[in-house]
N, C-alpha and C. Protein backbone atom coordinates (compact mmCIF):
# COMPACT_ATOMS: atom_id res chain seq x y z
N MET A 1 -12.17 27.41 8.42
CA MET A 1 -12.05 26.21 7.61
C MET A 1 -10.60 25.72 7.62
N THR A 2 -10.42 24.44 7.74
CA THR A 2 -9.10 23.84 7.77
C THR A 2 -8.54 23.73 6.36
N ASP A 3 -7.25 24.03 6.21
CA ASP A 3 -6.61 23.84 4.90
C ASP A 3 -6.53 22.35 4.60
N ARG A 4 -6.97 22.02 3.41
CA ARG A 4 -6.90 20.62 2.99
C ARG A 4 -6.05 20.54 1.73
N ASP A 5 -5.35 19.45 1.60
CA ASP A 5 -4.49 19.21 0.45
C ASP A 5 -4.98 18.00 -0.32
N VAL A 6 -4.67 17.99 -1.60
CA VAL A 6 -4.98 16.83 -2.44
C VAL A 6 -4.07 15.68 -2.01
N PHE A 7 -4.64 14.49 -1.95
CA PHE A 7 -3.84 13.31 -1.70
C PHE A 7 -4.25 12.23 -2.68
N GLU A 8 -3.37 11.27 -2.88
CA GLU A 8 -3.64 10.11 -3.73
C GLU A 8 -3.50 8.87 -2.87
N TYR A 9 -4.27 7.85 -3.21
CA TYR A 9 -4.13 6.60 -2.47
C TYR A 9 -4.45 5.42 -3.38
N ALA A 10 -3.92 4.29 -2.99
CA ALA A 10 -4.21 3.03 -3.68
C ALA A 10 -4.21 1.91 -2.65
N LEU A 11 -5.04 0.95 -2.90
CA LEU A 11 -5.07 -0.24 -2.06
C LEU A 11 -3.96 -1.19 -2.47
N LEU A 12 -3.46 -1.93 -1.52
CA LEU A 12 -2.54 -3.03 -1.80
C LEU A 12 -3.36 -4.29 -1.79
N ARG A 13 -3.28 -5.03 -2.86
CA ARG A 13 -4.08 -6.25 -3.01
C ARG A 13 -3.17 -7.47 -2.95
N VAL A 14 -3.63 -8.48 -2.25
CA VAL A 14 -2.92 -9.75 -2.24
C VAL A 14 -3.59 -10.64 -3.27
N VAL A 15 -2.78 -11.14 -4.19
CA VAL A 15 -3.24 -12.02 -5.27
C VAL A 15 -2.43 -13.31 -5.14
N PRO A 16 -2.89 -14.24 -4.27
CA PRO A 16 -2.07 -15.41 -3.96
C PRO A 16 -1.79 -16.32 -5.15
N ARG A 17 -2.71 -16.38 -6.09
CA ARG A 17 -2.50 -17.18 -7.29
C ARG A 17 -2.80 -16.28 -8.49
N VAL A 18 -1.75 -15.67 -9.00
CA VAL A 18 -1.89 -14.65 -10.04
C VAL A 18 -2.70 -15.17 -11.23
N GLU A 19 -2.51 -16.43 -11.58
CA GLU A 19 -3.22 -16.98 -12.73
C GLU A 19 -4.74 -17.01 -12.54
N ARG A 20 -5.21 -17.01 -11.30
CA ARG A 20 -6.66 -17.02 -11.03
C ARG A 20 -7.23 -15.61 -10.92
N GLY A 21 -6.41 -14.64 -10.58
CA GLY A 21 -6.87 -13.25 -10.50
C GLY A 21 -7.68 -12.91 -9.26
N GLU A 22 -7.83 -13.85 -8.33
CA GLU A 22 -8.58 -13.57 -7.11
C GLU A 22 -7.71 -12.75 -6.16
N CYS A 23 -8.34 -11.79 -5.47
CA CYS A 23 -7.55 -10.93 -4.60
C CYS A 23 -8.38 -10.43 -3.42
N PHE A 24 -7.67 -9.88 -2.45
CA PHE A 24 -8.32 -9.18 -1.34
C PHE A 24 -7.41 -8.04 -0.90
N ASN A 25 -8.00 -7.04 -0.28
CA ASN A 25 -7.26 -5.86 0.16
C ASN A 25 -6.47 -6.16 1.43
N ALA A 26 -5.20 -5.74 1.44
CA ALA A 26 -4.34 -6.00 2.59
C ALA A 26 -3.57 -4.76 3.04
N GLY A 27 -3.84 -3.62 2.44
CA GLY A 27 -3.14 -2.41 2.85
C GLY A 27 -3.54 -1.22 1.99
N VAL A 28 -2.99 -0.08 2.37
CA VAL A 28 -3.26 1.15 1.64
C VAL A 28 -1.99 2.00 1.65
N VAL A 29 -1.76 2.69 0.53
CA VAL A 29 -0.64 3.62 0.41
C VAL A 29 -1.22 5.00 0.13
N VAL A 30 -0.79 6.00 0.90
CA VAL A 30 -1.28 7.37 0.74
C VAL A 30 -0.10 8.28 0.43
N TYR A 31 -0.31 9.16 -0.56
CA TYR A 31 0.72 10.13 -0.96
C TYR A 31 0.08 11.52 -1.02
N CYS A 32 0.75 12.49 -0.39
CA CYS A 32 0.31 13.88 -0.43
C CYS A 32 1.50 14.73 -0.85
N ARG A 33 1.48 15.19 -2.09
CA ARG A 33 2.61 15.95 -2.65
C ARG A 33 2.88 17.22 -1.86
N ALA A 34 1.83 17.95 -1.50
CA ALA A 34 1.99 19.24 -0.82
C ALA A 34 2.74 19.10 0.51
N ARG A 35 2.68 17.93 1.11
CA ARG A 35 3.34 17.71 2.40
C ARG A 35 4.52 16.75 2.31
N SER A 36 4.88 16.38 1.07
CA SER A 36 5.97 15.41 0.85
C SER A 36 5.77 14.18 1.74
N PHE A 37 4.54 13.70 1.75
CA PHE A 37 4.15 12.60 2.63
C PHE A 37 3.83 11.36 1.82
N VAL A 38 4.36 10.24 2.22
CA VAL A 38 3.95 8.95 1.68
C VAL A 38 4.03 7.93 2.81
N ALA A 39 2.99 7.12 2.95
CA ALA A 39 2.97 6.11 4.01
C ALA A 39 2.08 4.95 3.58
N ALA A 40 2.39 3.80 4.13
CA ALA A 40 1.58 2.60 3.89
C ALA A 40 1.25 1.98 5.24
N ARG A 41 0.06 1.41 5.32
CA ARG A 41 -0.33 0.61 6.48
C ARG A 41 -0.90 -0.69 5.91
N VAL A 42 -0.58 -1.78 6.58
CA VAL A 42 -1.04 -3.08 6.09
C VAL A 42 -1.76 -3.86 7.17
N HIS A 43 -2.60 -4.77 6.72
CA HIS A 43 -3.31 -5.69 7.62
C HIS A 43 -3.59 -6.96 6.80
N LEU A 44 -2.86 -8.02 7.11
CA LEU A 44 -3.03 -9.27 6.37
C LEU A 44 -4.02 -10.16 7.09
N ASP A 45 -5.13 -10.47 6.42
CA ASP A 45 -6.14 -11.38 6.94
C ASP A 45 -5.75 -12.79 6.48
N GLU A 46 -5.15 -13.54 7.38
CA GLU A 46 -4.65 -14.88 7.03
C GLU A 46 -5.78 -15.85 6.70
N THR A 47 -6.96 -15.61 7.24
CA THR A 47 -8.11 -16.47 6.92
C THR A 47 -8.49 -16.30 5.45
N LYS A 48 -8.53 -15.06 4.97
CA LYS A 48 -8.82 -14.82 3.55
C LYS A 48 -7.73 -15.42 2.66
N LEU A 49 -6.48 -15.25 3.09
CA LEU A 49 -5.37 -15.79 2.31
C LEU A 49 -5.49 -17.31 2.19
N ALA A 50 -5.77 -17.98 3.28
CA ALA A 50 -5.91 -19.44 3.26
C ALA A 50 -7.12 -19.88 2.44
N ALA A 51 -8.18 -19.08 2.43
CA ALA A 51 -9.36 -19.42 1.64
C ALA A 51 -9.05 -19.39 0.14
N LEU A 52 -8.22 -18.44 -0.28
CA LEU A 52 -7.88 -18.33 -1.70
C LEU A 52 -6.75 -19.27 -2.09
N ASP A 53 -5.86 -19.56 -1.15
CA ASP A 53 -4.74 -20.46 -1.45
C ASP A 53 -4.24 -21.08 -0.15
N PRO A 54 -4.74 -22.27 0.17
CA PRO A 54 -4.34 -22.93 1.42
C PRO A 54 -2.83 -23.13 1.55
N GLY A 55 -2.12 -23.18 0.45
CA GLY A 55 -0.68 -23.38 0.49
C GLY A 55 0.12 -22.10 0.36
N ALA A 56 -0.52 -20.97 0.51
CA ALA A 56 0.15 -19.68 0.34
C ALA A 56 1.31 -19.52 1.33
N ASP A 57 2.33 -18.81 0.90
CA ASP A 57 3.49 -18.51 1.72
C ASP A 57 3.19 -17.26 2.55
N VAL A 58 2.63 -17.46 3.73
CA VAL A 58 2.22 -16.35 4.59
C VAL A 58 3.43 -15.47 4.94
N THR A 59 4.54 -16.08 5.24
CA THR A 59 5.75 -15.33 5.59
C THR A 59 6.19 -14.46 4.41
N GLY A 60 6.14 -15.01 3.21
CA GLY A 60 6.53 -14.26 2.02
C GLY A 60 5.59 -13.09 1.75
N VAL A 61 4.28 -13.31 1.94
CA VAL A 61 3.31 -12.23 1.73
C VAL A 61 3.54 -11.13 2.75
N ARG A 62 3.75 -11.51 4.01
CA ARG A 62 4.03 -10.50 5.04
C ARG A 62 5.29 -9.70 4.70
N ALA A 63 6.32 -10.39 4.22
CA ALA A 63 7.57 -9.71 3.85
C ALA A 63 7.34 -8.72 2.71
N ALA A 64 6.53 -9.10 1.73
CA ALA A 64 6.23 -8.20 0.61
C ALA A 64 5.47 -6.97 1.08
N LEU A 65 4.53 -7.16 1.99
CA LEU A 65 3.78 -6.02 2.53
C LEU A 65 4.69 -5.12 3.37
N ARG A 66 5.57 -5.71 4.17
CA ARG A 66 6.51 -4.90 4.96
C ARG A 66 7.46 -4.13 4.06
N ALA A 67 7.82 -4.72 2.92
CA ALA A 67 8.71 -4.04 1.98
C ALA A 67 8.06 -2.76 1.45
N VAL A 68 6.76 -2.79 1.20
CA VAL A 68 6.04 -1.59 0.75
C VAL A 68 6.11 -0.53 1.84
N GLU A 69 5.87 -0.93 3.08
CA GLU A 69 5.98 0.03 4.18
C GLU A 69 7.38 0.62 4.25
N GLY A 70 8.39 -0.21 4.04
CA GLY A 70 9.78 0.25 4.08
C GLY A 70 10.09 1.26 3.00
N VAL A 71 9.59 1.04 1.79
CA VAL A 71 9.82 2.00 0.70
C VAL A 71 9.19 3.34 1.06
N CYS A 72 8.03 3.31 1.68
CA CYS A 72 7.38 4.56 2.07
C CYS A 72 8.17 5.30 3.13
N VAL A 73 8.72 4.58 4.09
CA VAL A 73 9.49 5.20 5.17
C VAL A 73 10.74 5.88 4.63
N GLY A 74 11.34 5.26 3.62
CA GLY A 74 12.57 5.82 3.05
C GLY A 74 13.79 5.34 3.80
N GLY A 75 14.91 5.98 3.55
CA GLY A 75 16.16 5.59 4.20
C GLY A 75 16.56 4.18 3.81
N GLU A 76 17.31 3.51 4.67
CA GLU A 76 17.79 2.16 4.38
C GLU A 76 16.66 1.18 4.10
N ALA A 77 15.52 1.37 4.76
CA ALA A 77 14.39 0.47 4.58
C ALA A 77 13.84 0.50 3.16
N ALA A 78 14.15 1.56 2.42
CA ALA A 78 13.63 1.72 1.05
C ALA A 78 14.50 1.05 0.01
N GLY A 79 15.64 0.52 0.40
CA GLY A 79 16.51 -0.15 -0.56
C GLY A 79 16.95 0.80 -1.66
N GLN A 80 16.81 0.37 -2.92
CA GLN A 80 17.25 1.19 -4.05
C GLN A 80 16.47 2.49 -4.18
N ALA A 81 15.27 2.55 -3.59
CA ALA A 81 14.45 3.76 -3.67
C ALA A 81 14.83 4.78 -2.61
N ALA A 82 15.82 4.48 -1.77
CA ALA A 82 16.19 5.36 -0.66
C ALA A 82 16.46 6.81 -1.06
N PRO A 83 17.18 7.08 -2.16
CA PRO A 83 17.45 8.48 -2.47
C PRO A 83 16.27 9.22 -3.11
N ASP A 84 15.22 8.51 -3.46
CA ASP A 84 14.08 9.12 -4.15
C ASP A 84 13.20 9.90 -3.19
N ASP A 85 12.54 10.95 -3.73
CA ASP A 85 11.60 11.71 -2.91
C ASP A 85 10.30 10.92 -2.75
N ALA A 86 9.40 11.43 -1.92
CA ALA A 86 8.15 10.72 -1.61
C ALA A 86 7.34 10.42 -2.87
N GLY A 87 7.28 11.37 -3.79
CA GLY A 87 6.50 11.17 -5.01
C GLY A 87 7.05 10.06 -5.88
N ARG A 88 8.35 10.03 -6.04
CA ARG A 88 8.96 8.97 -6.86
C ARG A 88 8.76 7.60 -6.21
N ARG A 89 8.87 7.54 -4.88
CA ARG A 89 8.65 6.26 -4.19
C ARG A 89 7.20 5.80 -4.37
N PHE A 90 6.25 6.74 -4.27
CA PHE A 90 4.84 6.39 -4.46
C PHE A 90 4.61 5.87 -5.88
N ARG A 91 5.11 6.58 -6.87
CA ARG A 91 4.92 6.17 -8.27
C ARG A 91 5.56 4.81 -8.54
N TRP A 92 6.72 4.56 -7.95
CA TRP A 92 7.38 3.26 -8.12
C TRP A 92 6.51 2.15 -7.53
N LEU A 93 5.93 2.41 -6.35
CA LEU A 93 5.07 1.41 -5.73
C LEU A 93 3.79 1.16 -6.52
N MET A 94 3.30 2.18 -7.23
CA MET A 94 2.06 2.06 -7.99
C MET A 94 2.25 1.45 -9.37
N ALA A 95 3.48 1.22 -9.78
CA ALA A 95 3.73 0.63 -11.09
C ALA A 95 3.10 -0.76 -11.15
N PRO A 96 2.41 -1.07 -12.24
CA PRO A 96 1.78 -2.40 -12.35
C PRO A 96 2.83 -3.51 -12.25
N ARG A 97 2.44 -4.58 -11.59
CA ARG A 97 3.32 -5.74 -11.47
C ARG A 97 2.48 -7.00 -11.35
N SER A 98 3.09 -8.09 -11.68
CA SER A 98 2.41 -9.38 -11.61
C SER A 98 3.05 -10.20 -10.50
N THR A 99 2.79 -9.80 -9.27
CA THR A 99 3.32 -10.47 -8.10
C THR A 99 2.20 -10.73 -7.12
N VAL A 100 2.53 -11.32 -5.99
CA VAL A 100 1.51 -11.64 -4.99
C VAL A 100 0.90 -10.38 -4.38
N VAL A 101 1.69 -9.32 -4.19
CA VAL A 101 1.17 -8.04 -3.69
C VAL A 101 1.19 -7.05 -4.84
N GLN A 102 -0.01 -6.53 -5.17
CA GLN A 102 -0.15 -5.63 -6.31
C GLN A 102 -0.90 -4.36 -5.89
N PRO A 103 -0.54 -3.22 -6.48
CA PRO A 103 -1.30 -2.00 -6.21
C PRO A 103 -2.59 -1.98 -7.01
N GLY A 104 -3.63 -1.41 -6.42
CA GLY A 104 -4.86 -1.19 -7.15
C GLY A 104 -4.81 0.15 -7.85
N PRO A 105 -5.91 0.57 -8.44
CA PRO A 105 -5.96 1.89 -9.10
C PRO A 105 -5.74 3.02 -8.10
N VAL A 106 -5.19 4.12 -8.59
CA VAL A 106 -4.94 5.29 -7.75
C VAL A 106 -6.20 6.16 -7.74
N HIS A 107 -6.58 6.59 -6.54
CA HIS A 107 -7.73 7.48 -6.35
C HIS A 107 -7.24 8.76 -5.68
N THR A 108 -8.06 9.80 -5.69
CA THR A 108 -7.69 11.07 -5.09
C THR A 108 -8.73 11.53 -4.08
N GLY A 109 -8.32 12.47 -3.25
CA GLY A 109 -9.21 13.07 -2.27
C GLY A 109 -8.57 14.32 -1.70
N LEU A 110 -9.22 14.89 -0.69
CA LEU A 110 -8.71 16.05 0.03
C LEU A 110 -8.59 15.69 1.50
N THR A 111 -7.52 16.14 2.13
CA THR A 111 -7.33 15.83 3.54
C THR A 111 -6.57 16.96 4.24
N ALA A 112 -6.86 17.15 5.50
CA ALA A 112 -6.10 18.08 6.34
C ALA A 112 -5.02 17.32 7.11
N ASP A 113 -5.11 15.99 7.12
CA ASP A 113 -4.18 15.17 7.91
C ASP A 113 -3.90 13.86 7.19
N PRO A 114 -2.86 13.82 6.35
CA PRO A 114 -2.58 12.60 5.59
C PRO A 114 -2.33 11.37 6.47
N GLU A 115 -1.68 11.56 7.61
CA GLU A 115 -1.41 10.41 8.50
C GLU A 115 -2.72 9.80 8.99
N ALA A 116 -3.67 10.64 9.37
CA ALA A 116 -4.97 10.15 9.81
C ALA A 116 -5.71 9.50 8.65
N GLU A 117 -5.50 10.01 7.45
CA GLU A 117 -6.16 9.46 6.26
C GLU A 117 -5.72 8.02 6.02
N VAL A 118 -4.45 7.73 6.26
CA VAL A 118 -3.95 6.36 6.08
C VAL A 118 -4.73 5.42 6.99
N GLU A 119 -4.87 5.79 8.24
CA GLU A 119 -5.58 4.93 9.21
C GLU A 119 -7.06 4.83 8.87
N ARG A 120 -7.67 5.94 8.46
CA ARG A 120 -9.09 5.94 8.11
C ARG A 120 -9.35 5.00 6.94
N LEU A 121 -8.52 5.10 5.92
CA LEU A 121 -8.71 4.24 4.73
C LEU A 121 -8.44 2.77 5.05
N LEU A 122 -7.46 2.51 5.91
CA LEU A 122 -7.19 1.12 6.30
C LEU A 122 -8.42 0.54 7.00
N ASP A 123 -8.99 1.30 7.94
CA ASP A 123 -10.18 0.82 8.64
C ASP A 123 -11.37 0.67 7.70
N LEU A 124 -11.55 1.60 6.79
CA LEU A 124 -12.70 1.59 5.89
C LEU A 124 -12.62 0.53 4.81
N LEU A 125 -11.43 0.34 4.23
CA LEU A 125 -11.32 -0.46 3.01
C LEU A 125 -10.57 -1.79 3.17
N VAL A 126 -9.91 -1.98 4.31
CA VAL A 126 -9.09 -3.19 4.47
C VAL A 126 -9.55 -4.05 5.63
N ARG A 127 -9.67 -3.48 6.79
CA ARG A 127 -10.00 -4.29 7.99
C ARG A 127 -11.43 -4.76 8.00
């Protein structure tokens, strides 16, 4: 039997018009404490974005999604979160916010390969 570790994940939701509350999934963030792993993968469906808000700032939404990926990577790409460990960066990303890109609820699971889990969840829940 393969050793599996607990992991946490949340979807990244695009909410182009916060006052309307309409959203769609555009990414996933996975955190595995046992492996000090945190990663995000994104996929922006511009057709869905245009359907919810024809005047949406596509460039701005892409930049916000890339920023989440950068915080997960760490280092200079993480900005002020650079010195934080993977867990602190994940918790910071999961903090509720009222912006165009928002985290959904955190869920848990078991995995032997957190990196593969990121791709699996992106394919299952976003694409």
